[in-house]
C-alpha cells in the first residue's frame, strides 16, 4: 500500500505539472494571455519530466504508459475545477477504464506466464 501511495503522489504531481505547463501555452496562444505565461509553463514542464523519472519502473515506456491513466483523470479534474465544465458519465467511465489499465501496467507480476 505504501508503494501505491508513493506512486500515486508522484503521478499526481507530474499530472498537475504537465497540465499547468500545457495550459500556460494554451492561455498564451488560444486565450490571448501575455507571452510571459510560458515562463512558469516551461518550469512546470521541466518539473513534470523530472517527476516522471521518480516513477519506480525499470522501463520508461511502462512508466509513461501507466502515467497515461493518471493524466486522463487529472485532465478531467482540470476540466471540472479550472474550466468549470462538469465531466459526464462517459468521461467517468473512461477514467475508470484508464486507471484500471494503469494499475495493471504498473503492478502486474512480471516474468510469469
PDB file of N, CA and C in Angstrom:
ATOM      1  N   UNK A   1       0.822  -1.198   0.000  1.00  0.00           N
ATOM      2  CA  UNK A   1       0.000   0.000   0.000  1.00  0.00           C
ATOM      3  C   UNK A   1       0.867   1.263   0.000  1.00  0.00           C
ATOM      4  N   UNK A   2       1.998   1.196   0.712  1.00  0.00           N
ATOM      5  CA  UNK A   2       2.905   2.343   0.747  1.00  0.00           C
ATOM      6  C   UNK A   2       3.429   2.685  -0.642  1.00  0.00           C
ATOM      7  N   UNK A   3       3.790   1.653  -1.418  1.00  0.00           N
ATOM      8  CA  UNK A   3       4.298   1.873  -2.765  1.00  0.00           C
ATOM      9  C   UNK A   3       3.206   2.483  -3.639  1.00  0.00           C
ATOM     10  N   UNK A   4       1.981   2.008  -3.491  1.00  0.00           N
ATOM     11  CA  UNK A   4       0.865   2.539  -4.260  1.00  0.00           C
ATOM     12  C   UNK A   4       0.665   4.028  -3.966  1.00  0.00           C
ATOM     13  N   UNK A   5       0.732   4.403  -2.691  1.00  0.00           N
ATOM     14  CA  UNK A   5       0.564   5.814  -2.322  1.00  0.00           C
ATOM     15  C   UNK A   5       1.707   6.670  -2.843  1.00  0.00           C
ATOM     16  N   UNK A   6       2.916   6.138  -2.789  1.00  0.00           N
ATOM     17  CA  UNK A   6       4.079   6.868  -3.298  1.00  0.00           C
ATOM     18  C   UNK A   6       3.968   7.097  -4.802  1.00  0.00           C
ATOM     19  N   UNK A   7       3.626   6.046  -5.538  1.00  0.00           N
ATOM     20  CA  UNK A   7       3.468   6.173  -6.983  1.00  0.00           C
ATOM     21  C   UNK A   7       2.332   7.136  -7.313  1.00  0.00           C
ATOM     22  N   UNK A   8       1.238   7.026  -6.567  1.00  0.00           N
ATOM     23  CA  UNK A   8       0.094   7.917  -6.791  1.00  0.00           C
ATOM     24  C   UNK A   8       0.489   9.377  -6.599  1.00  0.00           C
ATOM     25  N   UNK A   9       1.270   9.652  -5.574  1.00  0.00           N
ATOM     26  CA  UNK A   9       1.705  11.033  -5.314  1.00  0.00           C
ATOM     27  C   UNK A   9       2.613  11.545  -6.424  1.00  0.00           C
ATOM     28  N   UNK A  10       3.529  10.693  -6.885  1.00  0.00           N
ATOM     29  CA  UNK A  10       4.432  11.092  -7.975  1.00  0.00           C
ATOM     30  C   UNK A  10       3.633  11.411  -9.225  1.00  0.00           C
ATOM     31  N   UNK A  11       2.734  10.510  -9.593  1.00  0.00           N
ATOM     32  CA  UNK A  11       1.949  10.703 -10.808  1.00  0.00           C
ATOM     33  C   UNK A  11       0.986  11.890 -10.686  1.00  0.00           C
ATOM     34  N   UNK A  12       0.412  12.083  -9.521  1.00  0.00           N
ATOM     35  CA  UNK A  12      -0.494  13.226  -9.340  1.00  0.00           C
ATOM     36  C   UNK A  12       0.275  14.541  -9.493  1.00  0.00           C
ATOM     37  N   UNK A  13       1.453  14.614  -8.896  1.00  0.00           N
ATOM     38  CA  UNK A  13       2.266  15.832  -9.026  1.00  0.00           C
ATOM     39  C   UNK A  13       2.706  16.037 -10.472  1.00  0.00           C
ATOM     40  N   UNK A  14       3.098  14.946 -11.139  1.00  0.00           N
ATOM     41  CA  UNK A  14       3.503  15.041 -12.544  1.00  0.00           C
ATOM     42  C   UNK A  14       2.339  15.515 -13.414  1.00  0.00           C
ATOM     43  N   UNK A  15       1.153  14.986 -13.161  1.00  0.00           N
ATOM     44  CA  UNK A  15      -0.020  15.382 -13.951  1.00  0.00           C
ATOM     45  C   UNK A  15      -0.331  16.856 -13.756  1.00  0.00           C
ATOM     46  N   UNK A  16      -0.301  17.320 -12.512  1.00  0.00           N
ATOM     47  CA  UNK A  16      -0.556  18.736 -12.260  1.00  0.00           C
ATOM     48  C   UNK A  16       0.468  19.598 -12.984  1.00  0.00           C
ATOM     49  N   UNK A  17       1.738  19.210 -12.905  1.00  0.00           N
ATOM     50  CA  UNK A  17       2.796  19.994 -13.554  1.00  0.00           C
ATOM     51  C   UNK A  17       2.619  20.000 -15.076  1.00  0.00           C
ATOM     52  N   UNK A  18       2.307  18.845 -15.650  1.00  0.00           N
ATOM     53  CA  UNK A  18       2.155  18.789 -17.105  1.00  0.00           C
ATOM     54  C   UNK A  18       0.950  19.608 -17.571  1.00  0.00           C
ATOM     55  N   UNK A  19      -0.159  19.445 -16.894  1.00  0.00           N
ATOM     56  CA  UNK A  19      -1.364  20.175 -17.310  1.00  0.00           C
ATOM     57  C   UNK A  19      -1.174  21.673 -17.115  1.00  0.00           C
ATOM     58  N   UNK A  20      -0.577  22.072 -16.001  1.00  0.00           N
ATOM     59  CA  UNK A  20      -0.328  23.501 -15.768  1.00  0.00           C
ATOM     60  C   UNK A  20       0.611  24.070 -16.828  1.00  0.00           C
ATOM     61  N   UNK A  21       1.658  23.318 -17.165  1.00  0.00           N
ATOM     62  CA  UNK A  21       2.599  23.777 -18.183  1.00  0.00           C
ATOM     63  C   UNK A  21       1.952  23.906 -19.547  1.00  0.00           C
ATOM     64  N   UNK A  22       1.184  22.904 -19.920  1.00  0.00           N
ATOM     65  CA  UNK A  22       0.497  22.958 -21.217  1.00  0.00           C
ATOM     66  C   UNK A  22      -0.569  24.047 -21.231  1.00  0.00           C
ATOM     67  N   UNK A  23      -1.262  24.226 -20.113  1.00  0.00           N
ATOM     68  CA  UNK A  23      -2.293  25.256 -20.047  1.00  0.00           C
ATOM     69  C   UNK A  23      -1.685  26.651 -20.196  1.00  0.00           C
ATOM     70  N   UNK A  24      -0.475  26.835 -19.698  1.00  0.00           N
ATOM     71  CA  UNK A  24       0.188  28.142 -19.855  1.00  0.00           C
ATOM     72  C   UNK A  24       0.354  28.480 -21.333  1.00  0.00           C
ATOM     73  N   UNK A  25       0.747  27.492 -22.130  1.00  0.00           N
ATOM     74  CA  UNK A  25       0.862  27.714 -23.569  1.00  0.00           C
ATOM     75  C   UNK A  25      -0.518  27.911 -24.202  1.00  0.00           C
ATOM     76  N   UNK A  26      -1.490  27.154 -23.764  1.00  0.00           N
ATOM     77  CA  UNK A  26      -2.866  27.292 -24.249  1.00  0.00           C
ATOM     78  C   UNK A  26      -3.368  28.707 -23.981  1.00  0.00           C
ATOM     79  N   UNK A  27      -3.128  29.191 -22.754  1.00  0.00           N
ATOM     80  CA  UNK A  27      -3.586  30.537 -22.383  1.00  0.00           C
ATOM     81  C   UNK A  27      -2.932  31.595 -23.261  1.00  0.00           C
ATOM     82  N   UNK A  28      -1.652  31.443 -23.530  1.00  0.00           N
ATOM     83  CA  UNK A  28      -0.941  32.408 -24.369  1.00  0.00           C
ATOM     84  C   UNK A  28      -1.439  32.355 -25.810  1.00  0.00           C
ATOM     85  N   UNK A  29      -1.504  31.145 -26.385  1.00  0.00           N
ATOM     86  CA  UNK A  29      -1.798  31.016 -27.810  1.00  0.00           C
ATOM     87  C   UNK A  29      -3.288  31.032 -28.157  1.00  0.00           C
ATOM     88  N   UNK A  30      -4.145  30.579 -27.259  1.00  0.00           N
ATOM     89  CA  UNK A  30      -5.560  30.462 -27.595  1.00  0.00           C
ATOM     90  C   UNK A  30      -6.449  31.439 -26.833  1.00  0.00           C
ATOM     91  N   UNK A  31      -5.937  31.978 -25.734  1.00  0.00           N
ATOM     92  CA  UNK A  31      -6.757  32.873 -24.918  1.00  0.00           C
ATOM     93  C   UNK A  31      -6.243  34.307 -24.922  1.00  0.00           C
ATOM     94  N   UNK A  32      -5.149  34.538 -25.647  1.00  0.00           N
ATOM     95  CA  UNK A  32      -4.618  35.892 -25.763  1.00  0.00           C
ATOM     96  C   UNK A  32      -3.913  36.422 -24.530  1.00  0.00           C
ATOM     97  N   UNK A  33      -3.469  35.528 -23.648  1.00  0.00           N
ATOM     98  CA  UNK A  33      -2.730  35.968 -22.459  1.00  0.00           C
ATOM     99  C   UNK A  33      -1.315  36.388 -22.864  1.00  0.00           C
ATOM    100  N   UNK A  34      -0.632  37.049 -21.962  1.00  0.00           N
ATOM    101  CA  UNK A  34       0.727  37.520 -22.203  1.00  0.00           C
ATOM    102  C   UNK A  34       1.672  36.357 -22.489  1.00  0.00           C
ATOM    103  N   UNK A  35       2.674  36.622 -23.312  1.00  0.00           N
ATOM    104  CA  UNK A  35       3.698  35.610 -23.602  1.00  0.00           C
ATOM    105  C   UNK A  35       4.419  35.181 -22.327  1.00  0.00           C
ATOM    106  N   UNK A  36       4.400  36.006 -21.308  1.00  0.00           N
ATOM    107  CA  UNK A  36       5.075  35.683 -20.053  1.00  0.00           C
ATOM    108  C   UNK A  36       4.439  34.491 -19.344  1.00  0.00           C
ATOM    109  N   UNK A  37       3.253  34.102 -19.749  1.00  0.00           N
ATOM    110  CA  UNK A  37       2.637  32.893 -19.201  1.00  0.00           C
ATOM    111  C   UNK A  37       3.496  31.660 -19.462  1.00  0.00           C
ATOM    112  N   UNK A  38       4.289  31.688 -20.538  1.00  0.00           N
ATOM    113  CA  UNK A  38       5.060  30.485 -20.844  1.00  0.00           C
ATOM    114  C   UNK A  38       6.261  30.287 -19.920  1.00  0.00           C
ATOM    115  N   UNK A  39       6.688  31.317 -19.221  1.00  0.00           N
ATOM    116  CA  UNK A  39       7.835  31.159 -18.310  1.00  0.00           C
ATOM    117  C   UNK A  39       7.519  30.141 -17.207  1.00  0.00           C
ATOM    118  N   UNK A  40       6.443  30.332 -16.435  1.00  0.00           N
ATOM    119  CA  UNK A  40       6.133  29.282 -15.453  1.00  0.00           C
ATOM    120  C   UNK A  40       5.701  27.982 -16.126  1.00  0.00           C
ATOM    121  N   UNK A  41       5.140  28.102 -17.340  1.00  0.00           N
ATOM    122  CA  UNK A  41       4.755  26.906 -18.075  1.00  0.00           C
ATOM    123  C   UNK A  41       5.950  26.025 -18.382  1.00  0.00           C
ATOM    124  N   UNK A  42       7.039  26.622 -18.805  1.00  0.00           N
ATOM    125  CA  UNK A  42       8.266  25.858 -19.086  1.00  0.00           C
ATOM    126  C   UNK A  42       8.792  25.227 -17.797  1.00  0.00           C
ATOM    127  N   UNK A  43       8.776  25.985 -16.722  1.00  0.00           N
ATOM    128  CA  UNK A  43       9.201  25.430 -15.430  1.00  0.00           C
ATOM    129  C   UNK A  43       8.347  24.244 -15.016  1.00  0.00           C
ATOM    130  N   UNK A  44       7.051  24.346 -15.228  1.00  0.00           N
ATOM    131  CA  UNK A  44       6.147  23.246 -14.878  1.00  0.00           C
ATOM    132  C   UNK A  44       6.424  22.016 -15.740  1.00  0.00           C
ATOM    133  N   UNK A  45       6.713  22.221 -17.017  1.00  0.00           N
ATOM    134  CA  UNK A  45       7.003  21.085 -17.891  1.00  0.00           C
ATOM    135  C   UNK A  45       8.332  20.421 -17.534  1.00  0.00           C
ATOM    136  N   UNK A  46       9.301  21.202 -17.082  1.00  0.00           N
ATOM    137  CA  UNK A  46      10.562  20.626 -16.605  1.00  0.00           C
ATOM    138  C   UNK A  46      10.302  19.793 -15.344  1.00  0.00           C
ATOM    139  N   UNK A  47       9.491  20.324 -14.443  1.00  0.00           N
ATOM    140  CA  UNK A  47       9.141  19.585 -13.223  1.00  0.00           C
ATOM    141  C   UNK A  47       8.423  18.283 -13.571  1.00  0.00           C
ATOM    142  N   UNK A  48       7.528  18.345 -14.548  1.00  0.00           N
ATOM    143  CA  UNK A  48       6.818  17.152 -14.999  1.00  0.00           C
ATOM    144  C   UNK A  48       7.796  16.067 -15.456  1.00  0.00           C
ATOM    145  N   UNK A  49       8.727  16.432 -16.305  1.00  0.00           N
ATOM    146  CA  UNK A  49       9.688  15.452 -16.827  1.00  0.00           C
ATOM    147  C   UNK A  49      10.526  14.854 -15.694  1.00  0.00           C
ATOM    148  N   UNK A  50      10.956  15.681 -14.773  1.00  0.00           N
ATOM    149  CA  UNK A  50      11.746  15.200 -13.636  1.00  0.00           C
ATOM    150  C   UNK A  50      10.923  14.258 -12.760  1.00  0.00           C
ATOM    151  N   UNK A  51       9.676  14.636 -12.481  1.00  0.00           N
ATOM    152  CA  UNK A  51       8.834  13.800 -11.626  1.00  0.00           C
ATOM    153  C   UNK A  51       8.618  12.410 -12.214  1.00  0.00           C
ATOM    154  N   UNK A  52       8.462  12.327 -13.528  1.00  0.00           N
ATOM    155  CA  UNK A  52       8.263  11.002 -14.128  1.00  0.00           C
ATOM    156  C   UNK A  52       9.478  10.108 -13.962  1.00  0.00           C
ATOM    157  N   UNK A  53      10.661  10.695 -13.834  1.00  0.00           N
ATOM    158  CA  UNK A  53      11.852   9.857 -13.616  1.00  0.00           C
ATOM    159  C   UNK A  53      11.841   9.219 -12.232  1.00  0.00           C
ATOM    160  N   UNK A  54      11.002   9.722 -11.340  1.00  0.00           N
ATOM    161  CA  UNK A  54      10.914   9.159  -9.990  1.00  0.00           C
ATOM    162  C   UNK A  54       9.999   7.931  -9.923  1.00  0.00           C
ATOM    163  N   UNK A  55       9.261   7.673 -10.981  1.00  0.00           N
ATOM    164  CA  UNK A  55       8.370   6.505 -11.005  1.00  0.00           C
ATOM    165  C   UNK A  55       9.202   5.230 -10.908  1.00  0.00           C
ATOM    166  N   UNK A  56       8.803   4.326 -10.020  1.00  0.00           N
ATOM    167  CA  UNK A  56       9.595   3.102  -9.810  1.00  0.00           C
ATOM    168  C   UNK A  56       9.362   2.063 -10.902  1.00  0.00           C
ATOM    169  N   UNK A  57       9.945   2.311 -12.043  1.00  0.00           N
ATOM    170  CA  UNK A  57       9.846   1.377 -13.158  1.00  0.00           C
ATOM    171  C   UNK A  57      11.219   1.283 -13.802  1.00  0.00           C
ATOM    172  N   UNK A  58      11.578   0.085 -14.212  1.00  0.00           N
ATOM    173  CA  UNK A  58      12.884  -0.071 -14.853  1.00  0.00           C
ATOM    174  C   UNK A  58      12.838   0.304 -16.334  1.00  0.00           C
ATOM    175  N   UNK A  59      11.650   0.569 -16.855  1.00  0.00           N
ATOM    176  CA  UNK A  59      11.499   0.941 -18.255  1.00  0.00           C
ATOM    177  C   UNK A  59      10.654   2.209 -18.365  1.00  0.00           C
ATOM    178  N   UNK A  60      11.178   3.190 -19.060  1.00  0.00           N
ATOM    179  CA  UNK A  60      10.485   4.469 -19.205  1.00  0.00           C
ATOM    180  C   UNK A  60       9.131   4.299 -19.879  1.00  0.00           C
ATOM    181  N   UNK A  61       9.064   3.490 -20.913  1.00  0.00           N
ATOM    182  CA  UNK A  61       7.809   3.312 -21.635  1.00  0.00           C
ATOM    183  C   UNK A  61       6.691   2.801 -20.756  1.00  0.00           C
ATOM    184  N   UNK A  62       7.004   1.894 -19.843  1.00  0.00           N
ATOM    185  CA  UNK A  62       5.984   1.372 -18.931  1.00  0.00           C
ATOM    186  C   UNK A  62       5.550   2.452 -17.941  1.00  0.00           C
ATOM    187  N   UNK A  63       6.480   3.224 -17.452  1.00  0.00           N
ATOM    188  CA  UNK A  63       6.132   4.318 -16.535  1.00  0.00           C
ATOM    189  C   UNK A  63       5.249   5.334 -17.241  1.00  0.00           C
ATOM    190  N   UNK A  64       5.573   5.653 -18.490  1.00  0.00           N
ATOM    191  CA  UNK A  64       4.783   6.620 -19.253  1.00  0.00           C
ATOM    192  C   UNK A  64       3.399   6.081 -19.569  1.00  0.00           C
ATOM    193  N   UNK A  65       3.317   4.794 -19.901  1.00  0.00           N
ATOM    194  CA  UNK A  65       2.025   4.187 -20.230  1.00  0.00           C
ATOM    195  C   UNK A  65       1.101   4.213 -19.019  1.00  0.00           C
ATOM    196  N   UNK A  66       1.625   3.852 -17.865  1.00  0.00           N
ATOM    197  CA  UNK A  66       0.814   3.875 -16.650  1.00  0.00           C
ATOM    198  C   UNK A  66       0.417   5.306 -16.295  1.00  0.00           C
ATOM    199  N   UNK A  67       1.321   6.235 -16.508  1.00  0.00           N
ATOM    200  CA  UNK A  67       1.025   7.643 -16.236  1.00  0.00           C
ATOM    201  C   UNK A  67      -0.145   8.131 -17.092  1.00  0.00           C
ATOM    202  N   UNK A  68      -0.320   7.560 -18.275  1.00  0.00           N
ATOM    203  CA  UNK A  68      -1.406   7.981 -19.166  1.00  0.00           C
ATOM    204  C   UNK A  68      -2.761   7.923 -18.491  1.00  0.00           C
ATOM    205  N   UNK A  69      -3.012   6.888 -17.713  1.00  0.00           N
ATOM    206  CA  UNK A  69      -4.289   6.789 -16.997  1.00  0.00           C
ATOM    207  C   UNK A  69      -4.461   7.896 -15.976  1.00  0.00           C
ATOM    208  N   UNK A  70      -3.380   8.221 -15.286  1.00  0.00           N
ATOM    209  CA  UNK A  70      -3.428   9.302 -14.298  1.00  0.00           C
ATOM    210  C   UNK A  70      -3.644  10.640 -15.006  1.00  0.00           C
ATOM    211  N   UNK A  71      -2.982  10.826 -16.145  1.00  0.00           N
ATOM    212  CA  UNK A  71      -3.134  12.065 -16.902  1.00  0.00           C
ATOM    213  C   UNK A  71      -4.580  12.267 -17.352  1.00  0.00           C
ATOM    214  N   UNK A  72      -5.211  11.200 -17.793  1.00  0.00           N
ATOM    215  CA  UNK A  72      -6.605  11.301 -18.220  1.00  0.00           C
ATOM    216  C   UNK A  72      -7.484  11.760 -17.069  1.00  0.00           C
ATOM    217  N   UNK A  73      -7.319  11.170 -15.904  1.00  0.00           N
ATOM    218  CA  UNK A  73      -8.148  11.572 -14.765  1.00  0.00           C
ATOM    219  C   UNK A  73      -7.823  12.987 -14.312  1.00  0.00           C
ATOM    220  N   UNK A  74      -6.558  13.352 -14.318  1.00  0.00           N
ATOM    221  CA  UNK A  74      -6.181  14.715 -13.915  1.00  0.00           C
ATOM    222  C   UNK A  74      -6.713  15.745 -14.913  1.00  0.00           C
ATOM    223  N   UNK A  75      -6.725  15.387 -16.187  1.00  0.00           N
ATOM    224  CA  UNK A  75      -7.257  16.306 -17.202  1.00  0.00           C
ATOM    225  C   UNK A  75      -8.736  16.567 -16.993  1.00  0.00           C
ATOM    226  N   UNK A  76      -9.472  15.531 -16.640  1.00  0.00           N
ATOM    227  CA  UNK A  76     -10.902  15.723 -16.390  1.00  0.00           C
ATOM    228  C   UNK A  76     -11.147  16.485 -15.094  1.00  0.00           C
ATOM    229  N   UNK A  77     -10.264  16.290 -14.105  1.00  0.00           N
ATOM    230  CA  UNK A  77     -10.364  17.103 -12.893  1.00  0.00           C
ATOM    231  C   UNK A  77     -10.111  18.579 -13.236  1.00  0.00           C
ATOM    232  N   UNK A  78      -9.123  18.840 -14.078  1.00  0.00           N
ATOM    233  CA  UNK A  78      -8.818  20.202 -14.532  1.00  0.00           C
ATOM    234  C   UNK A  78     -10.034  20.791 -15.257  1.00  0.00           C
ATOM    235  N   UNK A  79     -10.644  19.979 -16.133  1.00  0.00           N
ATOM    236  CA  UNK A  79     -11.846  20.396 -16.855  1.00  0.00           C
ATOM    237  C   UNK A  79     -12.908  20.885 -15.879  1.00  0.00           C
ATOM    238  N   UNK A  80     -13.086  20.146 -14.803  1.00  0.00           N
ATOM    239  CA  UNK A  80     -14.116  20.477 -13.818  1.00  0.00           C
ATOM    240  C   UNK A  80     -13.684  21.633 -12.912  1.00  0.00           C
ATOM    241  N   UNK A  81     -12.471  21.555 -12.365  1.00  0.00           N
ATOM    242  CA  UNK A  81     -12.024  22.507 -11.351  1.00  0.00           C
ATOM    243  C   UNK A  81     -11.642  23.857 -11.945  1.00  0.00           C
ATOM    244  N   UNK A  82     -10.877  23.852 -13.026  1.00  0.00           N
ATOM    245  CA  UNK A  82     -10.366  25.102 -13.590  1.00  0.00           C
ATOM    246  C   UNK A  82     -11.309  25.671 -14.647  1.00  0.00           C
ATOM    247  N   UNK A  83     -11.837  24.812 -15.519  1.00  0.00           N
ATOM    248  CA  UNK A  83     -12.652  25.283 -16.625  1.00  0.00           C
ATOM    249  C   UNK A  83     -14.144  25.302 -16.324  1.00  0.00           C
ATOM    250  N   UNK A  84     -14.534  24.772 -15.189  1.00  0.00           N
ATOM    251  CA  UNK A  84     -15.929  24.840 -14.769  1.00  0.00           C
ATOM    252  C   UNK A  84     -16.889  23.950 -15.551  1.00  0.00           C
ATOM    253  N   UNK A  85     -16.380  22.952 -16.254  1.00  0.00           N
ATOM    254  CA  UNK A  85     -17.213  22.028 -17.038  1.00  0.00           C
ATOM    255  C   UNK A  85     -17.266  20.684 -16.307  1.00  0.00           C
ATOM    256  N   UNK A  86     -18.450  20.262 -15.935  1.00  0.00           N
ATOM    257  CA  UNK A  86     -18.604  19.009 -15.207  1.00  0.00           C
ATOM    258  C   UNK A  86     -18.419  17.813 -16.147  1.00  0.00           C
ATOM    259  N   UNK A  87     -17.549  16.875 -15.786  1.00  0.00           N
ATOM    260  CA  UNK A  87     -17.401  15.666 -16.599  1.00  0.00           C
ATOM    261  C   UNK A  87     -18.722  14.884 -16.638  1.00  0.00           C
ATOM    262  N   UNK A  88     -19.003  14.273 -17.780  1.00  0.00           N
ATOM    263  CA  UNK A  88     -20.240  13.493 -17.891  1.00  0.00           C
ATOM    264  C   UNK A  88     -19.960  12.016 -17.602  1.00  0.00           C
ATOM    265  N   UNK A  89     -20.996  11.189 -17.708  1.00  0.00           N
ATOM    266  CA  UNK A  89     -20.839   9.775 -17.360  1.00  0.00           C
ATOM    267  C   UNK A  89     -19.826   9.075 -18.259  1.00  0.00           C
ATOM    268  N   UNK A  90     -19.691   9.502 -19.502  1.00  0.00           N
ATOM    269  CA  UNK A  90     -18.732   8.890 -20.418  1.00  0.00           C
ATOM    270  C   UNK A  90     -17.305   9.241 -20.022  1.00  0.00           C
ATOM    271  N   UNK A  91     -17.116  10.459 -19.530  1.00  0.00           N
ATOM    272  CA  UNK A  91     -15.805  10.848 -19.010  1.00  0.00           C
ATOM    273  C   UNK A  91     -15.431   9.964 -17.822  1.00  0.00           C
ATOM    274  N   UNK A  92     -16.399   9.743 -16.919  1.00  0.00           N
ATOM    275  CA  UNK A  92     -16.142   8.944 -15.719  1.00  0.00           C
ATOM    276  C   UNK A  92     -15.843   7.490 -16.084  1.00  0.00           C
ATOM    277  N   UNK A  93     -16.609   6.933 -17.010  1.00  0.00           N
ATOM    278  CA  UNK A  93     -16.352   5.563 -17.460  1.00  0.00           C
ATOM    279  C   UNK A  93     -14.950   5.463 -18.065  1.00  0.00           C
ATOM    280  N   UNK A  94     -14.580   6.441 -18.875  1.00  0.00           N
ATOM    281  CA  UNK A  94     -13.247   6.451 -19.473  1.00  0.00           C
ATOM    282  C   UNK A  94     -12.147   6.518 -18.433  1.00  0.00           C
ATOM    283  N   UNK A  95     -12.345   7.326 -17.396  1.00  0.00           N
ATOM    284  CA  UNK A  95     -11.349   7.441 -16.324  1.00  0.00           C
ATOM    285  C   UNK A  95     -11.190   6.117 -15.596  1.00  0.00           C
ATOM    286  N   UNK A  96     -12.301   5.468 -15.290  1.00  0.00           N
ATOM    287  CA  UNK A  96     -12.228   4.182 -14.591  1.00  0.00           C
ATOM    288  C   UNK A  96     -11.450   3.164 -15.428  1.00  0.00           C
ATOM    289  N   UNK A  97     -11.739   3.108 -16.710  1.00  0.00           N
ATOM    290  CA  UNK A  97     -11.012   2.182 -17.587  1.00  0.00           C
ATOM    291  C   UNK A  97      -9.522   2.531 -17.665  1.00  0.00           C
ATOM    292  N   UNK A  98      -9.217   3.819 -17.818  1.00  0.00           N
ATOM    293  CA  UNK A  98      -7.816   4.240 -17.943  1.00  0.00           C
ATOM    294  C   UNK A  98      -7.032   3.957 -16.664  1.00  0.00           C
ATOM    295  N   UNK A  99      -7.628   4.242 -15.508  1.00  0.00           N
ATOM    296  CA  UNK A  99      -6.925   3.980 -14.251  1.00  0.00           C
ATOM    297  C   UNK A  99      -6.773   2.487 -13.999  1.00  0.00           C
ATOM    298  N   UNK A 100      -7.763   1.702 -14.401  1.00  0.00           N
ATOM    299  CA  UNK A 100      -7.649   0.249 -14.279  1.00  0.00           C
ATOM    300  C   UNK A 100      -6.479  -0.252 -15.118  1.00  0.00           C
ATOM    301  N   UNK A 101      -6.361   0.252 -16.322  1.00  0.00           N
ATOM    302  CA  UNK A 101      -5.249  -0.132 -17.190  1.00  0.00           C
ATOM    303  C   UNK A 101      -3.911   0.286 -16.586  1.00  0.00           C
ATOM    304  N   UNK A 102      -3.849   1.470 -16.007  1.00  0.00           N
ATOM    305  CA  UNK A 102      -2.602   1.942 -15.391  1.00  0.00           C
ATOM    306  C   UNK A 102      -2.182   1.028 -14.247  1.00  0.00           C
ATOM    307  N   UNK A 103      -3.128   0.600 -13.421  1.00  0.00           N
ATOM    308  CA  UNK A 103      -2.816  -0.296 -12.307  1.00  0.00           C
ATOM    309  C   UNK A 103      -2.285  -1.630 -12.835  1.00  0.00           C
ATOM    310  N   UNK A 104      -2.921  -2.148 -13.882  1.00  0.00           N
ATOM    311  CA  UNK A 104      -2.447  -3.408 -14.468  1.00  0.00           C
ATOM    312  C   UNK A 104      -1.015  -3.251 -14.985  1.00  0.00           C
ATOM    313  N   UNK A 105      -0.762  -2.173 -15.697  1.00  0.00           N
ATOM    314  CA  UNK A 105       0.584  -1.957 -16.262  1.00  0.00           C
ATOM    315  C   UNK A 105       1.628  -1.844 -15.156  1.00  0.00           C
ATOM    316  N   UNK A 106       1.317  -1.138 -14.091  1.00  0.00           N
ATOM    317  CA  UNK A 106       2.299  -0.915 -13.029  1.00  0.00           C
ATOM    318  C   UNK A 106       2.499  -2.111 -12.119  1.00  0.00           C
ATOM    319  N   UNK A 107       1.426  -2.808 -11.782  1.00  0.00           N
ATOM    320  CA  UNK A 107       1.509  -3.801 -10.710  1.00  0.00           C
ATOM    321  C   UNK A 107       1.364  -5.250 -11.160  1.00  0.00           C
ATOM    322  N   UNK A 108       1.243  -5.502 -12.441  1.00  0.00           N
ATOM    323  CA  UNK A 108       1.153  -6.883 -12.913  1.00  0.00           C
ATOM    324  C   UNK A 108       2.460  -7.616 -12.607  1.00  0.00           C
ATOM    325  N   UNK A 109       2.336  -8.867 -12.198  1.00  0.00           N
ATOM    326  CA  UNK A 109       3.581  -9.626 -11.955  1.00  0.00           C
ATOM    327  C   UNK A 109       4.335  -9.834 -13.253  1.00  0.00           C
ATOM    328  N   UNK A 110       5.576  -9.506 -13.277  1.00  0.00           N
ATOM    329  CA  UNK A 110       6.407  -9.636 -14.471  1.00  0.00           C
ATOM    330  C   UNK A 110       7.216 -10.928 -14.382  1.00  0.00           C
ATOM    331  N   UNK A 111       7.499 -11.483 -15.525  1.00  0.00           N
ATOM    332  CA  UNK A 111       8.338 -12.666 -15.575  1.00  0.00           C
ATOM    333  C   UNK A 111       7.581 -13.957 -15.333  1.00  0.00           C
ATOM    334  N   UNK A 112       6.263 -13.882 -15.244  1.00  0.00           N
ATOM    335  CA  UNK A 112       5.465 -15.097 -15.094  1.00  0.00           C
ATOM    336  C   UNK A 112       4.565 -15.237 -16.295  1.00  0.00           C
ATOM    337  N   UNK A 113       4.276 -16.459 -16.663  1.00  0.00           N
ATOM    338  CA  UNK A 113       3.438 -16.653 -17.850  1.00  0.00           C
ATOM    339  C   UNK A 113       2.100 -17.213 -17.495  1.00  0.00           C
TER     340      UNK A 113
END
